[in-house]
Amino acid sequence: MYARVSTKKQEEYLRNQIERLESFAREKGWNYEVISEIASGINEKRKGLKKLLNKVKRGEVKKVVIEYPDRLARFGYEYLKFFLESFGVFLLQAGGEEKRA
């Protein structure tokens, strides 16, 4: 699960976002880890996103669940989707259908 907000002022929204993602995963009966961060969606040095991508490269991830595409990235979303797909990872929007990235 990946959750992100842009600024410290949005910290409460981040907590709520995480709660919604966790609720979604629990309903599905999934084991999960939440990676969250406060950083701009256009920041290319996001530690949380790098952690997620490294886990994908090591084969530790089967699904990436996000609330909305812009939580993953403001720009370059399709590149990230392609990267995930190349490792056989499903990209899933909470509440949406499960399909390959």
PDB file of N, CA and C in Angstrom:
ATOM      1  N   MET A   1       0.845  -1.158   0.000  1.00  0.00           N
ATOM      2  CA  MET A   1       0.000   0.000   0.000  1.00  0.00           C
ATOM      3  C   MET A   1       0.892   1.222   0.000  1.00  0.00           C
ATOM      4  N   TYR A   2       0.547   2.194  -0.808  1.00  0.00           N
ATOM      5  CA  TYR A   2       1.334   3.409  -0.873  1.00  0.00           C
ATOM      6  C   TYR A   2       0.397   4.603  -0.683  1.00  0.00           C
ATOM      7  N   ALA A   3       0.722   5.436   0.300  1.00  0.00           N
ATOM      8  CA  ALA A   3      -0.057   6.635   0.597  1.00  0.00           C
ATOM      9  C   ALA A   3       0.885   7.828   0.632  1.00  0.00           C
ATOM     10  N   ARG A   4       0.390   8.967   0.123  1.00  0.00           N
ATOM     11  CA  ARG A   4       1.222  10.163   0.088  1.00  0.00           C
ATOM     12  C   ARG A   4       0.359  11.413   0.139  1.00  0.00           C
ATOM     13  N   VAL A   5       0.881  12.402   0.805  1.00  0.00           N
ATOM     14  CA  VAL A   5       0.351  13.763   0.716  1.00  0.00           C
ATOM     15  C   VAL A   5       1.523  14.683   0.433  1.00  0.00           C
ATOM     16  N   SER A   6       1.211  15.885  -0.017  1.00  0.00           N
ATOM     17  CA  SER A   6       2.261  16.809  -0.447  1.00  0.00           C
ATOM     18  C   SER A   6       2.895  17.617   0.676  1.00  0.00           C
ATOM     19  N   THR A   7       2.103  17.972   1.690  1.00  0.00           N
ATOM     20  CA  THR A   7       2.612  18.875   2.720  1.00  0.00           C
ATOM     21  C   THR A   7       2.277  18.401   4.121  1.00  0.00           C
ATOM     22  N   LYS A   8       3.034  18.895   5.075  1.00  0.00           N
ATOM     23  CA  LYS A   8       2.814  18.582   6.493  1.00  0.00           C
ATOM     24  C   LYS A   8       1.407  18.994   6.934  1.00  0.00           C
ATOM     25  N   LYS A   9       0.864  20.038   6.338  1.00  0.00           N
ATOM     26  CA  LYS A   9      -0.493  20.497   6.679  1.00  0.00           C
ATOM     27  C   LYS A   9      -1.544  19.433   6.376  1.00  0.00           C
ATOM     28  N   GLN A  10      -1.221  18.499   5.497  1.00  0.00           N
ATOM     29  CA  GLN A  10      -2.160  17.460   5.081  1.00  0.00           C
ATOM     30  C   GLN A  10      -1.990  16.157   5.866  1.00  0.00           C
ATOM     31  N   GLU A  11      -1.279  16.226   6.970  1.00  0.00           N
ATOM     32  CA  GLU A  11      -0.975  15.019   7.743  1.00  0.00           C
ATOM     33  C   GLU A  11      -2.233  14.256   8.163  1.00  0.00           C
ATOM     34  N   GLU A  12      -3.292  14.976   8.534  1.00  0.00           N
ATOM     35  CA  GLU A  12      -4.538  14.307   8.922  1.00  0.00           C
ATOM     36  C   GLU A  12      -5.131  13.559   7.730  1.00  0.00           C
ATOM     37  N   TYR A  13      -5.064  14.155   6.554  1.00  0.00           N
ATOM     38  CA  TYR A  13      -5.545  13.475   5.357  1.00  0.00           C
ATOM     39  C   TYR A  13      -4.726  12.208   5.094  1.00  0.00           C
ATOM     40  N   LEU A  14      -3.422  12.264   5.351  1.00  0.00           N
ATOM     41  CA  LEU A  14      -2.572  11.083   5.182  1.00  0.00           C
ATOM     42  C   LEU A  14      -3.031   9.967   6.115  1.00  0.00           C
ATOM     43  N   ARG A  15      -3.282  10.298   7.364  1.00  0.00           N
ATOM     44  CA  ARG A  15      -3.775   9.272   8.314  1.00  0.00           C
ATOM     45  C   ARG A  15      -5.091   8.672   7.830  1.00  0.00           C
ATOM     46  N   ASN A  16      -5.996   9.511   7.354  1.00  0.00           N
ATOM     47  CA  ASN A  16      -7.277   9.016   6.848  1.00  0.00           C
ATOM     48  C   ASN A  16      -7.102   8.160   5.601  1.00  0.00           C
ATOM     49  N   GLN A  17      -6.193   8.569   4.735  1.00  0.00           N
ATOM     50  CA  GLN A  17      -5.899   7.806   3.522  1.00  0.00           C
ATOM     51  C   GLN A  17      -5.393   6.412   3.895  1.00  0.00           C
ATOM     52  N   ILE A  18      -4.486   6.360   4.854  1.00  0.00           N
ATOM     53  CA  ILE A  18      -3.939   5.078   5.314  1.00  0.00           C
ATOM     54  C   ILE A  18      -5.050   4.214   5.906  1.00  0.00           C
ATOM     55  N   GLU A  19      -5.909   4.803   6.709  1.00  0.00           N
ATOM     56  CA  GLU A  19      -7.018   4.042   7.305  1.00  0.00           C
ATOM     57  C   GLU A  19      -7.911   3.444   6.223  1.00  0.00           C
ATOM     58  N   ARG A  20      -8.209   4.210   5.183  1.00  0.00           N
ATOM     59  CA  ARG A  20      -9.068   3.693   4.102  1.00  0.00           C
ATOM     60  C   ARG A  20      -8.360   2.555   3.357  1.00  0.00           C
ATOM     61  N   LEU A  21      -7.065   2.707   3.086  1.00  0.00           N
ATOM     62  CA  LEU A  21      -6.320   1.648   2.406  1.00  0.00           C
ATOM     63  C   LEU A  21      -6.257   0.386   3.264  1.00  0.00           C
ATOM     64  N   GLU A  22      -5.988   0.556   4.564  1.00  0.00           N
ATOM     65  CA  GLU A  22      -5.926  -0.608   5.454  1.00  0.00           C
ATOM     66  C   GLU A  22      -7.277  -1.304   5.552  1.00  0.00           C
ATOM     67  N   SER A  23      -8.335  -0.548   5.621  1.00  0.00           N
ATOM     68  CA  SER A  23      -9.672  -1.132   5.674  1.00  0.00           C
ATOM     69  C   SER A  23      -9.938  -1.952   4.407  1.00  0.00           C
ATOM     70  N   PHE A  24      -9.563  -1.415   3.269  1.00  0.00           N
ATOM     71  CA  PHE A  24      -9.724  -2.109   1.992  1.00  0.00           C
ATOM     72  C   PHE A  24      -8.956  -3.433   1.998  1.00  0.00           C
ATOM     73  N   ALA A  25      -7.714  -3.402   2.459  1.00  0.00           N
ATOM     74  CA  ALA A  25      -6.879  -4.612   2.489  1.00  0.00           C
ATOM     75  C   ALA A  25      -7.426  -5.635   3.485  1.00  0.00           C
ATOM     76  N   ARG A  26      -7.871  -5.174   4.626  1.00  0.00           N
ATOM     77  CA  ARG A  26      -8.438  -6.105   5.627  1.00  0.00           C
ATOM     78  C   ARG A  26      -9.690  -6.784   5.084  1.00  0.00           C
ATOM     79  N   GLU A  27     -10.538  -6.043   4.383  1.00  0.00           N
ATOM     80  CA  GLU A  27     -11.742  -6.629   3.782  1.00  0.00           C
ATOM     81  C   GLU A  27     -11.388  -7.744   2.809  1.00  0.00           C
ATOM     82  N   LYS A  28     -10.251  -7.591   2.139  1.00  0.00           N
ATOM     83  CA  LYS A  28      -9.794  -8.599   1.174  1.00  0.00           C
ATOM     84  C   LYS A  28      -9.036  -9.738   1.855  1.00  0.00           C
ATOM     85  N   GLY A  29      -8.693  -9.552   3.130  1.00  0.00           N
ATOM     86  CA  GLY A  29      -7.932 -10.573   3.847  1.00  0.00           C
ATOM     87  C   GLY A  29      -6.464 -10.608   3.466  1.00  0.00           C
ATOM     88  N   TRP A  30      -5.934  -9.506   2.990  1.00  0.00           N
ATOM     89  CA  TRP A  30      -4.552  -9.444   2.538  1.00  0.00           C
ATOM     90  C   TRP A  30      -3.602  -9.117   3.671  1.00  0.00           C
ATOM     91  N   ASN A  31      -2.396  -9.664   3.580  1.00  0.00           N
ATOM     92  CA  ASN A  31      -1.276  -9.194   4.393  1.00  0.00           C
ATOM     93  C   ASN A  31      -0.724  -7.982   3.650  1.00  0.00           C
ATOM     94  N   TYR A  32      -0.302  -6.970   4.373  1.00  0.00           N
ATOM     95  CA  TYR A  32       0.135  -5.764   3.690  1.00  0.00           C
ATOM     96  C   TYR A  32       1.127  -4.978   4.536  1.00  0.00           C
ATOM     97  N   GLU A  33       1.818  -4.112   3.844  1.00  0.00           N
ATOM     98  CA  GLU A  33       2.678  -3.124   4.479  1.00  0.00           C
ATOM     99  C   GLU A  33       2.275  -1.779   3.897  1.00  0.00           C
ATOM    100  N   VAL A  34       2.211  -0.775   4.735  1.00  0.00           N
ATOM    101  CA  VAL A  34       1.911   0.575   4.266  1.00  0.00           C
ATOM    102  C   VAL A  34       3.212   1.360   4.168  1.00  0.00           C
ATOM    103  N   ILE A  35       3.442   1.909   3.016  1.00  0.00           N
ATOM    104  CA  ILE A  35       4.546   2.841   2.826  1.00  0.00           C
ATOM    105  C   ILE A  35       3.897   4.198   2.610  1.00  0.00           C
ATOM    106  N   SER A  36       4.221   5.134   3.484  1.00  0.00           N
ATOM    107  CA  SER A  36       3.605   6.452   3.373  1.00  0.00           C
ATOM    108  C   SER A  36       4.669   7.527   3.490  1.00  0.00           C
ATOM    109  N   GLU A  37       4.336   8.682   2.939  1.00  0.00           N
ATOM    110  CA  GLU A  37       5.278   9.783   3.040  1.00  0.00           C
ATOM    111  C   GLU A  37       4.590  11.112   2.787  1.00  0.00           C
ATOM    112  N   ILE A  38       5.267  12.138   3.245  1.00  0.00           N
ATOM    113  CA  ILE A  38       4.852  13.514   2.992  1.00  0.00           C
ATOM    114  C   ILE A  38       5.892  14.091   2.042  1.00  0.00           C
ATOM    115  N   ALA A  39       5.495  14.244   0.788  1.00  0.00           N
ATOM    116  CA  ALA A  39       6.409  14.739  -0.240  1.00  0.00           C
ATOM    117  C   ALA A  39       5.593  15.102  -1.475  1.00  0.00           C
ATOM    118  N   SER A  40       6.071  16.064  -2.205  1.00  0.00           N
ATOM    119  CA  SER A  40       5.405  16.461  -3.437  1.00  0.00           C
ATOM    120  C   SER A  40       5.386  15.303  -4.429  1.00  0.00           C
ATOM    121  N   GLY A  41       4.302  15.200  -5.171  1.00  0.00           N
ATOM    122  CA  GLY A  41       4.180  14.158  -6.183  1.00  0.00           C
ATOM    123  C   GLY A  41       5.137  14.328  -7.344  1.00  0.00           C
ATOM    124  N   ILE A  42       5.778  15.493  -7.435  1.00  0.00           N
ATOM    125  CA  ILE A  42       6.751  15.699  -8.506  1.00  0.00           C
ATOM    126  C   ILE A  42       8.187  15.605  -7.996  1.00  0.00           C
ATOM    127  N   ASN A  43       8.342  15.373  -6.698  1.00  0.00           N
ATOM    128  CA  ASN A  43       9.665  15.216  -6.098  1.00  0.00           C
ATOM    129  C   ASN A  43      10.253  13.878  -6.558  1.00  0.00           C
ATOM    130  N   GLU A  44      11.413  13.901  -7.150  1.00  0.00           N
ATOM    131  CA  GLU A  44      12.044  12.677  -7.650  1.00  0.00           C
ATOM    132  C   GLU A  44      12.930  12.001  -6.612  1.00  0.00           C
ATOM    133  N   LYS A  45      12.963  12.512  -5.391  1.00  0.00           N
ATOM    134  CA  LYS A  45      13.804  11.934  -4.343  1.00  0.00           C
ATOM    135  C   LYS A  45      12.963  11.421  -3.176  1.00  0.00           C
ATOM    136  N   ARG A  46      11.776  10.894  -3.479  1.00  0.00           N
ATOM    137  CA  ARG A  46      10.888  10.397  -2.420  1.00  0.00           C
ATOM    138  C   ARG A  46      11.400   9.073  -1.877  1.00  0.00           C
ATOM    139  N   LYS A  47      11.712   9.057  -0.594  1.00  0.00           N
ATOM    140  CA  LYS A  47      12.246   7.849   0.048  1.00  0.00           C
ATOM    141  C   LYS A  47      11.224   6.713   0.043  1.00  0.00           C
ATOM    142  N   GLY A  48       9.966   7.039   0.295  1.00  0.00           N
ATOM    143  CA  GLY A  48       8.939   6.003   0.323  1.00  0.00           C
ATOM    144  C   GLY A  48       8.752   5.345  -1.024  1.00  0.00           C
ATOM    145  N   LEU A  49       8.711   6.140  -2.082  1.00  0.00           N
ATOM    146  CA  LEU A  49       8.557   5.583  -3.426  1.00  0.00           C
ATOM    147  C   LEU A  49       9.766   4.733  -3.794  1.00  0.00           C
ATOM    148  N   LYS A  50      10.961   5.207  -3.456  1.00  0.00           N
ATOM    149  CA  LYS A  50      12.165   4.413  -3.728  1.00  0.00           C
ATOM    150  C   LYS A  50      12.136   3.083  -2.964  1.00  0.00           C
ATOM    151  N   LYS A  51      11.668   3.121  -1.721  1.00  0.00           N
ATOM    152  CA  LYS A  51      11.538   1.889  -0.936  1.00  0.00           C
ATOM    153  C   LYS A  51      10.595   0.920  -1.632  1.00  0.00           C
ATOM    154  N   LEU A  52       9.454   1.423  -2.103  1.00  0.00           N
ATOM    155  CA  LEU A  52       8.485   0.590  -2.796  1.00  0.00           C
ATOM    156  C   LEU A  52       9.090  -0.014  -4.056  1.00  0.00           C
ATOM    157  N   LEU A  53       9.749   0.801  -4.860  1.00  0.00           N
ATOM    158  CA  LEU A  53      10.323   0.303  -6.111  1.00  0.00           C
ATOM    159  C   LEU A  53      11.420  -0.725  -5.858  1.00  0.00           C
ATOM    160  N   ASN A  54      12.209  -0.545  -4.819  1.00  0.00           N
ATOM    161  CA  ASN A  54      13.227  -1.543  -4.475  1.00  0.00           C
ATOM    162  C   ASN A  54      12.594  -2.850  -4.030  1.00  0.00           C
ATOM    163  N   LYS A  55      11.501  -2.789  -3.287  1.00  0.00           N
ATOM    164  CA  LYS A  55      10.797  -4.006  -2.884  1.00  0.00           C
ATOM    165  C   LYS A  55      10.250  -4.737  -4.112  1.00  0.00           C
ATOM    166  N   VAL A  56       9.747  -3.983  -5.063  1.00  0.00           N
ATOM    167  CA  VAL A  56       9.253  -4.577  -6.314  1.00  0.00           C
ATOM    168  C   VAL A  56      10.401  -5.283  -7.024  1.00  0.00           C
ATOM    169  N   LYS A  57      11.555  -4.621  -7.153  1.00  0.00           N
ATOM    170  CA  LYS A  57      12.712  -5.223  -7.834  1.00  0.00           C
ATOM    171  C   LYS A  57      13.167  -6.505  -7.156  1.00  0.00           C
ATOM    172  N   ARG A  58      13.056  -6.562  -5.823  1.00  0.00           N
ATOM    173  CA  ARG A  58      13.477  -7.765  -5.087  1.00  0.00           C
ATOM    174  C   ARG A  58      12.406  -8.855  -5.080  1.00  0.00           C
ATOM    175  N   GLY A  59      11.278  -8.627  -5.718  1.00  0.00           N
ATOM    176  CA  GLY A  59      10.219  -9.626  -5.785  1.00  0.00           C
ATOM    177  C   GLY A  59       9.415  -9.744  -4.508  1.00  0.00           C
ATOM    178  N   GLU A  60       9.406  -8.708  -3.679  1.00  0.00           N
ATOM    179  CA  GLU A  60       8.711  -8.738  -2.390  1.00  0.00           C
ATOM    180  C   GLU A  60       7.277  -8.207  -2.471  1.00  0.00           C
ATOM    181  N   VAL A  61       6.855  -7.807  -3.664  1.00  0.00           N
ATOM    182  CA  VAL A  61       5.550  -7.166  -3.822  1.00  0.00           C
ATOM    183  C   VAL A  61       4.759  -7.865  -4.922  1.00  0.00           C
ATOM    184  N   LYS A  62       3.491  -8.172  -4.633  1.00  0.00           N
ATOM    185  CA  LYS A  62       2.600  -8.746  -5.639  1.00  0.00           C
ATOM    186  C   LYS A  62       1.584  -7.723  -6.126  1.00  0.00           C
ATOM    187  N   LYS A  63       1.223  -6.815  -5.222  1.00  0.00           N
ATOM    188  CA  LYS A  63       0.235  -5.793  -5.531  1.00  0.00           C
ATOM    189  C   LYS A  63       0.693  -4.470  -4.943  1.00  0.00           C
ATOM    190  N   VAL A  64       0.374  -3.396  -5.640  1.00  0.00           N
ATOM    191  CA  VAL A  64       0.538  -2.054  -5.091  1.00  0.00           C
ATOM    192  C   VAL A  64      -0.856  -1.449  -5.082  1.00  0.00           C
ATOM    193  N   VAL A  65      -1.289  -1.039  -3.903  1.00  0.00           N
ATOM    194  CA  VAL A  65      -2.619  -0.449  -3.759  1.00  0.00           C
ATOM    195  C   VAL A  65      -2.449   1.025  -3.452  1.00  0.00           C
ATOM    196  N   ILE A  66      -3.150   1.840  -4.217  1.00  0.00           N
ATOM    197  CA  ILE A  66      -3.144   3.284  -4.028  1.00  0.00           C
ATOM    198  C   ILE A  66      -4.592   3.752  -3.929  1.00  0.00           C
ATOM    199  N   GLU A  67      -4.780   4.946  -3.401  1.00  0.00           N
ATOM    200  CA  GLU A  67      -6.141   5.481  -3.357  1.00  0.00           C
ATOM    201  C   GLU A  67      -6.507   6.134  -4.692  1.00  0.00           C
ATOM    202  N   TYR A  68      -5.588   6.919  -5.234  1.00  0.00           N
ATOM    203  CA  TYR A  68      -5.776   7.583  -6.529  1.00  0.00           C
ATOM    204  C   TYR A  68      -4.433   7.600  -7.248  1.00  0.00           C
ATOM    205  N   PRO A  69      -4.441   7.602  -8.577  1.00  0.00           N
ATOM    206  CA  PRO A  69      -3.168   7.623  -9.312  1.00  0.00           C
ATOM    207  C   PRO A  69      -2.244   8.766  -8.919  1.00  0.00           C
ATOM    208  N   ASP A  70      -2.791   9.938  -8.619  1.00  0.00           N
ATOM    209  CA  ASP A  70      -1.910  11.064  -8.289  1.00  0.00           C
ATOM    210  C   ASP A  70      -1.230  10.915  -6.933  1.00  0.00           C
ATOM    211  N   ARG A  71      -1.637   9.939  -6.130  1.00  0.00           N
ATOM    212  CA  ARG A  71      -0.930   9.671  -4.878  1.00  0.00           C
ATOM    213  C   ARG A  71       0.396   8.986  -5.184  1.00  0.00           C
ATOM    214  N   LEU A  72       0.448   8.225  -6.265  1.00  0.00           N
ATOM    215  CA  LEU A  72       1.692   7.563  -6.666  1.00  0.00           C
ATOM    216  C   LEU A  72       2.625   8.567  -7.348  1.00  0.00           C
ATOM    217  N   ALA A  73       2.076   9.355  -8.277  1.00  0.00           N
ATOM    218  CA  ALA A  73       2.896  10.347  -8.971  1.00  0.00           C
ATOM    219  C   ALA A  73       2.012  11.354  -9.690  1.00  0.00           C
ATOM    220  N   ARG A  74       2.426  12.589  -9.662  1.00  0.00           N
ATOM    221  CA  ARG A  74       1.726  13.637 -10.426  1.00  0.00           C
ATOM    222  C   ARG A  74       2.056  13.519 -11.903  1.00  0.00           C
ATOM    223  N   PHE A  75       3.311  13.220 -12.197  1.00  0.00           N
ATOM    224  CA  PHE A  75       3.776  13.042 -13.565  1.00  0.00           C
ATOM    225  C   PHE A  75       4.547  11.733 -13.621  1.00  0.00           C
ATOM    226  N   GLY A  76       4.510  11.079 -14.752  1.00  0.00           N
ATOM    227  CA  GLY A  76       5.255   9.835 -14.900  1.00  0.00           C
ATOM    228  C   GLY A  76       4.519   8.610 -14.384  1.00  0.00           C
ATOM    229  N   TYR A  77       3.227   8.755 -14.119  1.00  0.00           N
ATOM    230  CA  TYR A  77       2.436   7.627 -13.615  1.00  0.00           C
ATOM    231  C   TYR A  77       2.530   6.430 -14.563  1.00  0.00           C
ATOM    232  N   GLU A  78       2.455   6.674 -15.860  1.00  0.00           N
ATOM    233  CA  GLU A  78       2.491   5.575 -16.835  1.00  0.00           C
ATOM    234  C   GLU A  78       3.850   4.864 -16.833  1.00  0.00           C
ATOM    235  N   TYR A  79       4.927   5.610 -16.569  1.00  0.00           N
ATOM    236  CA  TYR A  79       6.246   4.969 -16.463  1.00  0.00           C
ATOM    237  C   TYR A  79       6.298   4.037 -15.257  1.00  0.00           C
ATOM    238  N   LEU A  80       5.750   4.510 -14.135  1.00  0.00           N
ATOM    239  CA  LEU A  80       5.726   3.665 -12.936  1.00  0.00           C
ATOM    240  C   LEU A  80       4.857   2.441 -13.157  1.00  0.00           C
ATOM    241  N   LYS A  81       3.738   2.629 -13.806  1.00  0.00           N
ATOM    242  CA  LYS A  81       2.836   1.520 -14.129  1.00  0.00           C
ATOM    243  C   LYS A  81       3.567   0.486 -14.997  1.00  0.00           C
ATOM    244  N   PHE A  82       4.298   0.955 -15.992  1.00  0.00           N
ATOM    245  CA  PHE A  82       5.076   0.068 -16.860  1.00  0.00           C
ATOM    246  C   PHE A  82       6.128  -0.693 -16.052  1.00  0.00           C
ATOM    247  N   PHE A  83       6.820  -0.007 -15.153  1.00  0.00           N
ATOM    248  CA  PHE A  83       7.834  -0.627 -14.310  1.00  0.00           C
ATOM    249  C   PHE A  83       7.215  -1.752 -13.481  1.00  0.00           C
ATOM    250  N   LEU A  84       6.103  -1.462 -12.820  1.00  0.00           N
ATOM    251  CA  LEU A  84       5.437  -2.476 -11.997  1.00  0.00           C
ATOM    252  C   LEU A  84       5.032  -3.673 -12.843  1.00  0.00           C
ATOM    253  N   GLU A  85       4.450  -3.389 -14.003  1.00  0.00           N
ATOM    254  CA  GLU A  85       4.006  -4.459 -14.889  1.00  0.00           C
ATOM    255  C   GLU A  85       5.162  -5.355 -15.314  1.00  0.00           C
ATOM    256  N   SER A  86       6.324  -4.756 -15.543  1.00  0.00           N
ATOM    257  CA  SER A  86       7.471  -5.542 -15.990  1.00  0.00           C
ATOM    258  C   SER A  86       7.938  -6.530 -14.920  1.00  0.00           C
ATOM    259  N   PHE A  87       7.538  -6.318 -13.680  1.00  0.00           N
ATOM    260  CA  PHE A  87       7.855  -7.242 -12.587  1.00  0.00           C
ATOM    261  C   PHE A  87       6.632  -8.080 -12.190  1.00  0.00           C
ATOM    262  N   GLY A  88       5.570  -8.037 -13.006  1.00  0.00           N
ATOM    263  CA  GLY A  88       4.380  -8.840 -12.746  1.00  0.00           C
ATOM    264  C   GLY A  88       3.560  -8.358 -11.562  1.00  0.00           C
ATOM    265  N   VAL A  89       3.675  -7.094 -11.226  1.00  0.00           N
ATOM    266  CA  VAL A  89       2.977  -6.535 -10.062  1.00  0.00           C
ATOM    267  C   VAL A  89       1.642  -5.929 -10.494  1.00  0.00           C
ATOM    268  N   PHE A  90       0.593  -6.227  -9.743  1.00  0.00           N
ATOM    269  CA  PHE A  90      -0.712  -5.631  -9.970  1.00  0.00           C
ATOM    270  C   PHE A  90      -0.728  -4.234  -9.352  1.00  0.00           C
ATOM    271  N   LEU A  91      -1.264  -3.268 -10.065  1.00  0.00           N
ATOM    272  CA  LEU A  91      -1.489  -1.930  -9.531  1.00  0.00           C
ATOM    273  C   LEU A  91      -2.992  -1.785  -9.348  1.00  0.00           C
ATOM    274  N   LEU A  92      -3.402  -1.517  -8.148  1.00  0.00           N
ATOM    275  CA  LEU A  92      -4.818  -1.532  -7.816  1.00  0.00           C
ATOM    276  C   LEU A  92      -5.207  -0.246  -7.103  1.00  0.00           C
ATOM    277  N   GLN A  93      -6.277   0.341  -7.558  1.00  0.00           N
ATOM    278  CA  GLN A  93      -6.838   1.498  -6.881  1.00  0.00           C
ATOM    279  C   GLN A  93      -7.857   0.972  -5.878  1.00  0.00           C
ATOM    280  N   ALA A  94      -7.726   1.384  -4.621  1.00  0.00           N
ATOM    281  CA  ALA A  94      -8.629   0.890  -3.561  1.00  0.00           C
ATOM    282  C   ALA A  94     -10.071   1.061  -4.039  1.00  0.00           C
ATOM    283  N   GLY A  95     -10.824  -0.022  -3.965  1.00  0.00           N
ATOM    284  CA  GLY A  95     -12.202  -0.006  -4.406  1.00  0.00           C
ATOM    285  C   GLY A  95     -12.367  -0.376  -5.878  1.00  0.00           C
ATOM    286  N   GLY A  96     -11.245  -0.489  -6.591  1.00  0.00           N
ATOM    287  CA  GLY A  96     -11.300  -0.811  -8.020  1.00  0.00           C
ATOM    288  C   GLY A  96     -11.051  -2.281  -8.278  1.00  0.00           C
ATOM    289  N   GLU A  97     -11.054  -2.638  -9.542  1.00  0.00           N
ATOM    290  CA  GLU A  97     -10.801  -4.015  -9.943  1.00  0.00           C
ATOM    291  C   GLU A  97      -9.308  -4.311  -9.921  1.00  0.00           C
ATOM    292  N   GLU A  98      -8.988  -5.562  -9.666  1.00  0.00           N
ATOM    293  CA  GLU A  98      -7.588  -5.986  -9.697  1.00  0.00           C
ATOM    294  C   GLU A  98      -7.221  -6.331 -11.128  1.00  0.00           C
ATOM    295  N   LYS A  99      -6.153  -5.713 -11.619  1.00  0.00           N
ATOM    296  CA  LYS A  99      -5.650  -6.027 -12.950  1.00  0.00           C
ATOM    297  C   LYS A  99      -4.184  -5.690 -13.005  1.00  0.00           C
ATOM    298  N   ARG A 100      -3.508  -6.278 -13.964  1.00  0.00           N
ATOM    299  CA  ARG A 100      -2.073  -5.988 -14.115  1.00  0.00           C
ATOM    300  C   ARG A 100      -1.899  -4.503 -14.339  1.00  0.00           C
ATOM    301  N   ALA A 101      -0.774  -4.003 -13.897  1.00  0.00           N
ATOM    302  CA  ALA A 101      -0.493  -2.566 -14.065  1.00  0.00           C
ATOM    303  C   ALA A 101      -0.550  -2.170 -15.522  1.00  0.00           C
TER     304      ALA A 101
END
